[in-house]
Amino acid sequence: MKVERLADFRRRALRQRRAVLEPRVVDHARSAIAAVRRRGDAAVLEEVRRFDFAGARARDLWAGRRDLRAAARACPSELRRAIDRSYADLVAAHRAQRPRPIVHRGRAFRVELAPEPLERVGGCVPRGTVGYPSTALMVGAPAAVAGVGELVIASPMPRDGSLDPVLSYAAVVAGATGVYRAGGAAAVAALAYGTDLCPRVDAIVGPGNAYTTAAKWLVSADVGIDSLAGPSELVVVASADADPAAIALDLEAQAEHGGGPYAALISDSATLLRTVAKAIDAIGAPRGTIGLYRAPSLALAVAAAAEAAPEHLSLSGRAAERLAPRTRRAGAVFVGSRTAVAFGDYVAGSNHVLPTGGTARWASALRVEDMIRWTTRVRATAPLRAAAYWGAEVARYEGMRFHAASMDLRG
């Protein structure tokens, strides 16, 4: 593999950001959304027959709790135990995020912010050669902790139209009401606007391909979304003492993701970069998904990673680990050679639904807060003469004479 300059990394990161919402993807998503809004499940079924299972029927689009429980019986026992353990750790970690009411007692008013769970949430769960039970758990845990009334999962139908027993078991564990068996922009539209089979939700969370991401962006005026979680990303910043074999495996693991992922290693050590390149060549990584970059210093490497704002940032090697306090703008940061990014996908307790395409500049990991809305309650608790006087002063300046009169009446 070729080792490139840090400037090349910056250009590649910029291309990755632009690719998330490139015009052809957005146009396709917009067309699919319009079709689902007009024709509901029939439009979704056309997409499923085109991309997933040609023999799909309308009734195959929805699997309710009873269907999921029946299919889950075929889930192997070891996978059941693994799913149970992972979900328990996720719920425990997310409980620490549970919001509590916030109360402020001012001069004349008591102001309370009261957290309330959303009524219905839709969780996008992608599919590769198999369904991703781990993602079902990732959307289920914060929903359960938040107290969401109903969780609906949307996940593409397998090529043979069968109901995946492992995904079904994970959906049952996650407390899903059912699985709408479609993916991409059509599934997002069904969740956002509702169909005969798929109930309309208050918020859509979870990752997906570029079309899912574009669709979430397009419907975000009508339904809540968590973040733009599209094709996966990893940036590794490593010092000379890092384990090259571990880094090569982390980069290869990232390349396993479908839908145009990218993985990059940035280091100030030419020796480390050459060693990792040889390891990757020996394994045979898919070309175009992994990049190796030489930086003048680790500090500049961390700064470049912050510019990219990647989904995952890994700090490997003692010198790189010491820069952890300087890391900014990444979906999740994995500190130390032992902390494989893959742990975060399954068993660390952190959520693997993370912002991509540079949106980690402002967005965060999926969390309980994404399943909550806040109600503001205001109550007068003291004489209002002063409050009415000062409020009316500003209102009259703004030309709001009835606002002023309303406050004067109470003063």
Protein backbone atom coordinates (compact mmCIF):
# COMPACT_ATOMS: atom_id res chain seq x y z
CA MET A 1 0.00 0.00 0.00
CA LYS A 2 1.07 3.55 -0.72
CA VAL A 3 1.75 5.98 2.14
CA GLU A 4 0.38 9.44 1.35
CA ARG A 5 0.76 12.93 2.79
CA LEU A 6 -1.45 14.48 5.45
CA ALA A 7 -2.80 16.92 2.85
CA ASP A 8 -4.13 13.91 0.90
CA PHE A 9 -6.02 12.76 4.01
CA ARG A 10 -7.69 16.15 4.31
CA ARG A 11 -8.83 16.00 0.68
CA ARG A 12 -10.17 12.49 1.12
CA ALA A 13 -12.06 13.46 4.27
CA LEU A 14 -13.66 16.34 2.38
CA ARG A 15 -14.76 13.99 -0.42
CA GLN A 16 -16.25 11.64 2.19
CA ARG A 17 -18.31 14.47 3.68
CA ARG A 18 -19.62 15.50 0.27
CA ALA A 19 -20.50 11.91 -0.69
CA VAL A 20 -23.00 11.53 2.15
CA LEU A 21 -25.53 13.86 0.52
CA GLU A 22 -24.42 13.86 -3.10
CA PRO A 23 -27.12 15.03 -5.52
CA ARG A 24 -27.91 11.68 -7.18
CA VAL A 25 -28.43 10.05 -3.77
CA VAL A 26 -30.62 12.89 -2.54
CA ASP A 27 -32.66 12.84 -5.76
CA HIS A 28 -33.30 9.11 -5.45
CA ALA A 29 -34.28 9.47 -1.81
CA ARG A 30 -36.61 12.37 -2.61
CA SER A 31 -38.31 10.33 -5.34
CA ALA A 32 -38.75 7.31 -3.05
CA ILE A 33 -40.21 9.47 -0.28
CA ALA A 34 -42.71 11.06 -2.66
CA ALA A 35 -43.79 7.62 -3.92
CA VAL A 36 -44.33 6.29 -0.39
CA ARG A 37 -46.32 9.37 0.58
CA ARG A 38 -48.58 8.81 -2.44
CA ARG A 39 -48.93 5.04 -2.48
CA GLY A 40 -47.82 3.81 0.94
CA ASP A 41 -46.90 0.15 1.31
CA ALA A 42 -47.30 -0.50 -2.42
CA ALA A 43 -44.40 1.86 -3.17
CA VAL A 44 -42.28 0.28 -0.44
CA LEU A 45 -43.04 -3.18 -1.81
CA GLU A 46 -41.73 -2.14 -5.23
CA GLU A 47 -38.43 -1.10 -3.65
CA VAL A 48 -38.21 -4.35 -1.68
CA ARG A 49 -38.84 -6.44 -4.80
CA ARG A 50 -36.22 -4.44 -6.69
CA PHE A 51 -33.42 -4.50 -4.14
CA ASP A 52 -34.11 -7.31 -1.65
CA PHE A 53 -36.56 -10.14 -2.42
CA ALA A 54 -38.27 -10.31 -5.80
CA GLY A 55 -41.02 -12.59 -4.48
CA ALA A 56 -42.09 -10.33 -1.60
CA ARG A 57 -45.81 -9.86 -0.95
CA ALA A 58 -47.46 -6.95 0.81
CA ARG A 59 -48.17 -8.96 3.95
CA ASP A 60 -44.47 -9.87 4.19
CA LEU A 61 -43.58 -6.26 4.98
CA TRP A 62 -44.65 -6.43 8.62
CA ALA A 63 -43.58 -8.89 11.32
CA GLY A 64 -45.38 -8.34 14.61
CA ARG A 65 -44.41 -9.48 18.10
CA ARG A 66 -45.95 -12.91 17.64
CA ASP A 67 -44.06 -13.45 14.36
CA LEU A 68 -40.79 -12.29 15.93
CA ARG A 69 -41.16 -14.60 18.93
CA ALA A 70 -41.91 -17.56 16.69
CA ALA A 71 -38.88 -16.88 14.48
CA ALA A 72 -36.65 -16.20 17.51
CA ARG A 73 -37.02 -19.79 18.68
CA ALA A 74 -34.50 -20.80 15.99
CA CYS A 75 -31.84 -18.40 17.30
CA PRO A 76 -28.83 -20.47 18.50
CA SER A 77 -28.42 -20.58 22.28
CA GLU A 78 -24.91 -19.11 22.31
CA LEU A 79 -26.08 -16.14 20.25
CA ARG A 80 -29.01 -15.72 22.65
CA ARG A 81 -26.62 -15.49 25.58
CA ALA A 82 -24.34 -13.08 23.73
CA ILE A 83 -27.29 -10.85 22.81
CA ASP A 84 -28.66 -10.95 26.37
CA ARG A 85 -25.31 -9.98 27.85
CA SER A 86 -24.70 -7.19 25.36
CA TYR A 87 -28.17 -5.74 25.93
CA ALA A 88 -27.79 -5.84 29.71
CA ASP A 89 -24.50 -3.92 29.48
CA LEU A 90 -26.02 -1.40 27.08
CA VAL A 91 -29.01 -0.74 29.33
CA ALA A 92 -26.76 -0.36 32.38
CA ALA A 93 -24.54 2.15 30.58
CA HIS A 94 -27.50 4.11 29.21
CA ARG A 95 -29.21 4.35 32.60
CA ALA A 96 -26.52 6.83 33.60
CA GLN A 97 -27.92 9.12 30.87
CA ARG A 98 -31.48 9.15 32.21
CA PRO A 99 -32.54 12.81 32.40
CA ARG A 100 -34.12 14.33 35.49
CA PRO A 101 -36.38 17.36 35.80
CA ILE A 102 -34.58 20.70 35.94
CA VAL A 103 -36.08 23.38 38.19
CA HIS A 104 -35.14 27.05 38.48
CA ARG A 105 -36.73 29.31 41.09
CA GLY A 106 -36.38 32.93 40.00
CA ARG A 107 -37.51 36.23 41.47
CA ALA A 108 -41.14 35.75 40.53
CA PHE A 109 -41.42 32.50 38.58
CA ARG A 110 -40.73 28.81 38.96
CA VAL A 111 -39.49 27.35 35.68
CA GLU A 112 -39.37 23.58 35.26
CA LEU A 113 -38.04 21.51 32.37
CA ALA A 114 -39.74 18.13 32.54
CA PRO A 115 -38.39 15.22 30.42
CA GLU A 116 -41.03 13.12 28.68
CA PRO A 117 -40.38 10.01 26.56
CA LEU A 118 -41.45 10.02 22.94
CA GLU A 119 -44.55 8.01 22.17
CA ARG A 120 -43.19 6.06 19.19
CA VAL A 121 -39.66 5.71 17.80
CA GLY A 122 -38.47 4.06 14.59
CA GLY A 123 -35.08 2.37 14.57
CA CYS A 124 -33.18 1.75 11.32
CA VAL A 125 -31.26 -1.54 11.40
CA PRO A 126 -29.12 -2.17 8.29
CA ARG A 127 -28.51 -5.54 6.69
CA GLY A 128 -25.41 -7.02 5.11
CA THR A 129 -25.27 -10.72 4.31
CA VAL A 130 -27.22 -11.07 7.58
CA GLY A 131 -29.26 -8.72 9.74
CA TYR A 132 -27.42 -6.74 12.40
CA PRO A 133 -28.80 -7.76 15.80
CA SER A 134 -26.24 -5.50 17.48
CA THR A 135 -27.89 -2.40 15.97
CA ALA A 136 -31.34 -3.53 17.12
CA LEU A 137 -29.95 -3.57 20.65
CA MET A 138 -28.29 -0.17 20.18
CA VAL A 139 -31.61 1.49 19.32
CA GLY A 140 -33.54 -0.57 21.85
CA ALA A 141 -31.46 0.21 24.95
CA PRO A 142 -31.88 4.02 24.97
CA ALA A 143 -35.54 3.63 24.02
CA ALA A 144 -36.13 1.33 26.99
CA VAL A 145 -34.29 3.58 29.42
CA ALA A 146 -36.13 6.66 28.14
CA GLY A 147 -39.48 4.89 28.54
CA VAL A 148 -40.52 5.15 24.88
CA GLY A 149 -44.04 3.83 24.40
CA GLU A 150 -43.39 1.89 21.19
CA LEU A 151 -40.28 0.93 19.23
CA VAL A 152 -40.65 -0.01 15.55
CA ILE A 153 -37.62 -1.44 13.76
CA ALA A 154 -37.11 -1.09 10.00
CA SER A 155 -34.69 -3.58 8.46
CA PRO A 156 -34.30 -4.89 4.88
CA MET A 157 -35.80 -8.25 3.95
CA PRO A 158 -33.33 -11.12 3.33
CA ARG A 159 -32.80 -12.29 -0.25
CA ASP A 160 -34.97 -15.36 0.38
CA GLY A 161 -37.73 -13.45 2.17
CA SER A 162 -37.27 -15.39 5.41
CA LEU A 163 -37.64 -13.91 8.88
CA ASP A 164 -34.13 -13.79 10.36
CA PRO A 165 -34.21 -15.68 13.70
CA VAL A 166 -31.23 -13.86 15.21
CA LEU A 167 -32.51 -10.39 14.31
CA SER A 168 -35.96 -11.47 15.51
CA TYR A 169 -34.52 -12.50 18.88
CA ALA A 170 -32.65 -9.19 19.20
CA ALA A 171 -35.82 -7.27 18.30
CA VAL A 172 -37.76 -9.14 20.98
CA VAL A 173 -35.04 -8.44 23.56
CA ALA A 174 -34.99 -4.77 22.52
CA GLY A 175 -38.74 -4.56 23.12
CA ALA A 176 -39.76 -3.83 19.51
CA THR A 177 -43.45 -3.83 18.66
CA GLY A 178 -42.57 -5.19 15.26
CA VAL A 179 -40.20 -5.08 12.30
CA TYR A 180 -41.06 -3.28 9.08
CA ARG A 181 -39.11 -5.38 6.61
CA ALA A 182 -37.70 -2.74 4.29
CA GLY A 183 -34.69 -0.48 4.17
CA GLY A 184 -33.30 2.62 2.51
CA ALA A 185 -35.25 5.75 1.71
CA ALA A 186 -38.58 3.93 1.34
CA ALA A 187 -38.42 2.57 4.88
CA VAL A 188 -37.52 5.99 6.25
CA ALA A 189 -40.51 7.49 4.45
CA ALA A 190 -42.81 4.79 5.85
CA LEU A 191 -41.61 5.53 9.38
CA ALA A 192 -41.87 9.29 8.90
CA TYR A 193 -45.34 9.45 7.35
CA GLY A 194 -46.91 6.09 8.17
CA THR A 195 -48.51 3.45 5.94
CA ASP A 196 -51.26 0.91 6.46
CA LEU A 197 -48.71 -1.52 7.92
CA CYS A 198 -46.12 0.81 9.44
CA PRO A 199 -47.17 3.29 12.12
CA ARG A 200 -45.96 6.86 11.92
CA VAL A 201 -43.23 7.60 14.47
CA ASP A 202 -42.12 10.70 16.36
CA ALA A 203 -38.41 10.18 15.72
CA ILE A 204 -36.22 8.03 13.47
CA VAL A 205 -32.88 6.85 14.80
CA GLY A 206 -30.18 4.45 13.68
CA PRO A 207 -27.69 4.04 10.84
CA GLY A 208 -28.01 3.04 7.22
CA ASN A 209 -26.60 3.42 3.74
CA ALA A 210 -26.31 6.75 1.92
CA TYR A 211 -29.96 6.57 0.81
CA THR A 212 -31.16 6.04 4.36
CA THR A 213 -29.06 8.97 5.51
CA ALA A 214 -30.28 11.27 2.74
CA ALA A 215 -33.89 10.29 3.45
CA LYS A 216 -33.51 11.03 7.17
CA TRP A 217 -32.19 14.46 6.24
CA LEU A 218 -35.10 15.09 3.85
CA VAL A 219 -37.83 14.11 6.34
CA SER A 220 -36.27 15.89 9.32
CA ALA A 221 -38.74 18.79 9.06
CA ASP A 222 -41.59 16.35 9.75
CA VAL A 223 -40.06 13.90 12.20
CA GLY A 224 -37.20 13.94 14.68
CA ILE A 225 -33.88 12.34 13.76
CA ASP A 226 -30.82 11.52 15.85
CA SER A 227 -27.98 12.28 13.44
CA LEU A 228 -26.81 11.50 9.92
CA ALA A 229 -25.36 8.04 10.52
CA GLY A 230 -24.33 6.81 7.09
CA PRO A 231 -21.32 4.95 5.66
CA SER A 232 -18.90 4.08 8.44
CA GLU A 233 -15.57 5.84 9.15
CA LEU A 234 -12.44 5.22 11.20
CA VAL A 235 -9.35 7.35 11.72
CA VAL A 236 -6.46 5.79 13.67
CA VAL A 237 -3.78 8.11 15.06
CA ALA A 238 -0.81 5.97 16.09
CA SER A 239 2.64 6.55 17.54
CA ALA A 240 5.74 4.49 16.76
CA ASP A 241 5.21 2.14 19.72
CA ALA A 242 1.72 1.04 18.57
CA ASP A 243 0.97 -2.57 17.66
CA PRO A 244 0.94 -2.72 13.82
CA ALA A 245 -0.91 -6.05 13.72
CA ALA A 246 -3.72 -4.66 15.87
CA ILE A 247 -3.95 -1.52 13.73
CA ALA A 248 -4.09 -3.57 10.52
CA LEU A 249 -6.96 -5.62 11.93
CA ASP A 250 -8.84 -2.50 13.06
CA LEU A 251 -8.53 -1.01 9.56
CA GLU A 252 -9.59 -4.29 7.96
CA ALA A 253 -12.56 -4.49 10.32
CA GLN A 254 -13.67 -1.06 9.18
CA ALA A 255 -13.32 -2.11 5.53
CA GLU A 256 -15.81 -4.93 6.22
CA HIS A 257 -18.65 -2.41 6.40
CA GLY A 258 -20.63 -2.03 3.22
CA GLY A 259 -21.89 1.14 1.59
CA GLY A 260 -18.60 2.97 1.04
CA PRO A 261 -16.78 3.04 4.36
CA TYR A 262 -13.35 4.55 4.79
CA ALA A 263 -10.53 3.82 7.21
CA ALA A 264 -7.34 5.83 7.64
CA LEU A 265 -4.14 5.52 9.64
CA ILE A 266 -2.19 8.71 10.41
CA SER A 267 1.22 8.44 12.06
CA ASP A 268 4.47 10.33 12.38
CA SER A 269 6.37 7.04 12.17
CA ALA A 270 7.43 5.94 8.69
CA THR A 271 8.44 2.55 10.09
CA LEU A 272 5.00 1.91 11.58
CA LEU A 273 3.26 2.96 8.37
CA ARG A 274 5.42 0.61 6.27
CA THR A 275 4.80 -2.29 8.66
CA VAL A 276 1.04 -1.74 8.66
CA ALA A 277 1.06 -1.45 4.86
CA LYS A 278 2.77 -4.84 4.56
CA ALA A 279 0.28 -6.40 6.98
CA ILE A 280 -2.68 -5.06 5.00
CA ASP A 281 -1.19 -6.20 1.69
CA ALA A 282 -0.72 -9.66 3.17
CA ILE A 283 -4.38 -9.80 4.29
CA GLY A 284 -5.67 -8.33 1.04
CA ALA A 285 -7.89 -5.39 1.97
CA PRO A 286 -10.45 -4.03 -0.51
CA ARG A 287 -8.71 -1.27 -2.46
CA GLY A 288 -9.96 2.25 -2.01
CA THR A 289 -11.26 1.74 1.53
CA ILE A 290 -8.03 2.10 3.53
CA GLY A 291 -5.54 4.96 3.44
CA LEU A 292 -2.17 5.44 5.16
CA TYR A 293 -0.88 8.94 5.83
CA ARG A 294 2.37 10.40 7.17
CA ALA A 295 2.09 13.39 9.53
CA PRO A 296 4.93 15.69 10.63
CA SER A 297 3.80 15.20 14.24
CA LEU A 298 1.14 13.44 16.28
CA ALA A 299 -0.29 16.79 17.31
CA LEU A 300 -0.91 17.63 13.65
CA ALA A 301 -2.37 14.17 13.14
CA VAL A 302 -4.91 14.75 15.92
CA ALA A 303 -5.71 18.19 14.49
CA ALA A 304 -6.33 16.67 11.05
CA ALA A 305 -8.61 14.05 12.60
CA ALA A 306 -10.60 16.84 14.27
CA GLU A 307 -11.04 18.53 10.88
CA ALA A 308 -12.43 15.28 9.48
CA ALA A 309 -14.74 14.80 12.51
CA PRO A 310 -14.91 11.03 11.92
CA GLU A 311 -17.38 8.52 13.28
CA HIS A 312 -14.60 6.61 15.10
CA LEU A 313 -11.22 7.87 16.27
CA SER A 314 -8.66 5.42 17.67
CA LEU A 315 -5.54 6.50 19.57
CA SER A 316 -2.96 3.71 19.50
CA GLY A 317 0.44 3.69 21.22
CA ARG A 318 1.49 5.43 24.43
CA ALA A 319 2.42 8.76 22.82
CA ALA A 320 -0.87 8.87 20.89
CA GLU A 321 -2.88 7.92 23.99
CA ARG A 322 -1.47 10.93 25.86
CA LEU A 323 -3.19 13.16 23.31
CA ALA A 324 -6.65 11.91 24.31
CA PRO A 325 -7.50 15.16 26.18
CA ARG A 326 -6.87 17.08 22.94
CA THR A 327 -9.29 15.05 20.84
CA ARG A 328 -12.31 16.94 19.60
CA ARG A 329 -15.14 16.30 17.17
CA ALA A 330 -15.34 12.53 16.81
CA GLY A 331 -18.40 10.34 17.27
CA ALA A 332 -16.50 8.05 19.65
CA VAL A 333 -12.86 7.96 20.73
CA PHE A 334 -11.16 4.64 21.54
CA VAL A 335 -8.07 5.12 23.67
CA GLY A 336 -5.24 2.58 23.72
CA SER A 337 -4.15 -0.39 21.63
CA ARG A 338 -6.26 -2.79 23.71
CA THR A 339 -9.45 -0.82 23.11
CA ALA A 340 -10.46 -2.16 19.70
CA VAL A 341 -13.17 -0.13 17.98
CA ALA A 342 -15.04 -3.40 17.47
CA PHE A 343 -15.70 -3.59 21.23
CA GLY A 344 -17.77 -0.45 20.85
CA ASP A 345 -19.85 -2.16 18.18
CA TYR A 346 -20.87 -4.98 20.48
CA VAL A 347 -19.97 -5.15 24.17
CA ALA A 348 -18.42 -1.93 25.55
CA GLY A 349 -21.78 -0.47 26.58
CA SER A 350 -21.25 2.59 24.37
CA ASN A 351 -23.66 3.12 21.49
CA HIS A 352 -22.40 2.30 18.01
CA VAL A 353 -24.97 4.54 16.28
CA LEU A 354 -22.65 7.49 15.62
CA PRO A 355 -22.61 10.58 13.38
CA THR A 356 -20.74 10.25 10.08
CA GLY A 357 -19.78 12.40 7.11
CA GLY A 358 -18.21 15.09 9.28
CA THR A 359 -21.42 15.67 11.26
CA ALA A 360 -19.59 14.82 14.48
CA ARG A 361 -18.70 18.52 14.42
CA TRP A 362 -22.11 19.08 16.05
CA ALA A 363 -23.80 15.70 16.47
CA SER A 364 -23.28 12.96 19.05
CA ALA A 365 -23.77 9.25 19.62
CA LEU A 366 -27.32 7.92 19.89
CA ARG A 367 -28.38 8.38 23.49
CA VAL A 368 -31.38 8.51 25.78
CA GLU A 369 -31.75 12.24 25.10
CA ASP A 370 -32.71 11.40 21.49
CA MET A 371 -35.80 9.59 22.79
CA ILE A 372 -36.89 12.46 25.05
CA ARG A 373 -38.67 15.76 24.59
CA TRP A 374 -38.73 18.46 27.26
CA THR A 375 -41.83 20.31 28.40
CA THR A 376 -41.33 23.75 29.94
CA ARG A 377 -43.71 24.59 32.82
CA VAL A 378 -43.84 28.13 34.17
CA ARG A 379 -45.68 29.24 37.32
CA ALA A 380 -45.87 32.67 38.97
CA THR A 381 -44.78 32.35 42.60
CA ALA A 382 -44.44 35.94 43.86
CA PRO A 383 -45.87 39.45 43.33
CA LEU A 384 -45.47 40.40 39.68
CA ARG A 385 -45.25 44.20 39.81
CA ALA A 386 -41.53 44.36 38.98
CA ALA A 387 -41.66 41.57 36.40
CA ALA A 388 -44.63 43.19 34.66
CA TYR A 389 -42.94 46.61 34.61
CA TRP A 390 -39.70 45.41 33.03
CA GLY A 391 -41.39 42.99 30.65
CA ALA A 392 -43.81 45.67 29.45
CA GLU A 393 -40.93 48.10 28.87
CA VAL A 394 -39.36 45.75 26.31
CA ALA A 395 -42.72 44.77 24.80
CA ARG A 396 -43.70 48.39 24.15
CA TYR A 397 -40.32 49.04 22.51
CA GLU A 398 -40.99 46.11 20.17
CA GLY A 399 -44.43 47.47 19.33
CA MET A 400 -46.21 44.64 21.13
CA ARG A 401 -48.79 46.71 23.00
CA PHE A 402 -51.10 43.81 23.83
CA HIS A 403 -48.14 41.84 25.23
CA ALA A 404 -47.44 44.84 27.46
CA ALA A 405 -51.07 45.18 28.48
CA SER A 406 -51.28 41.46 29.30
CA MET A 407 -48.36 41.75 31.68
CA ASP A 408 -49.54 45.08 33.16
CA LEU A 409 -52.85 43.46 34.06
CA ARG A 410 -51.05 40.87 36.17
CA GLY A 411 -48.77 43.41 37.85
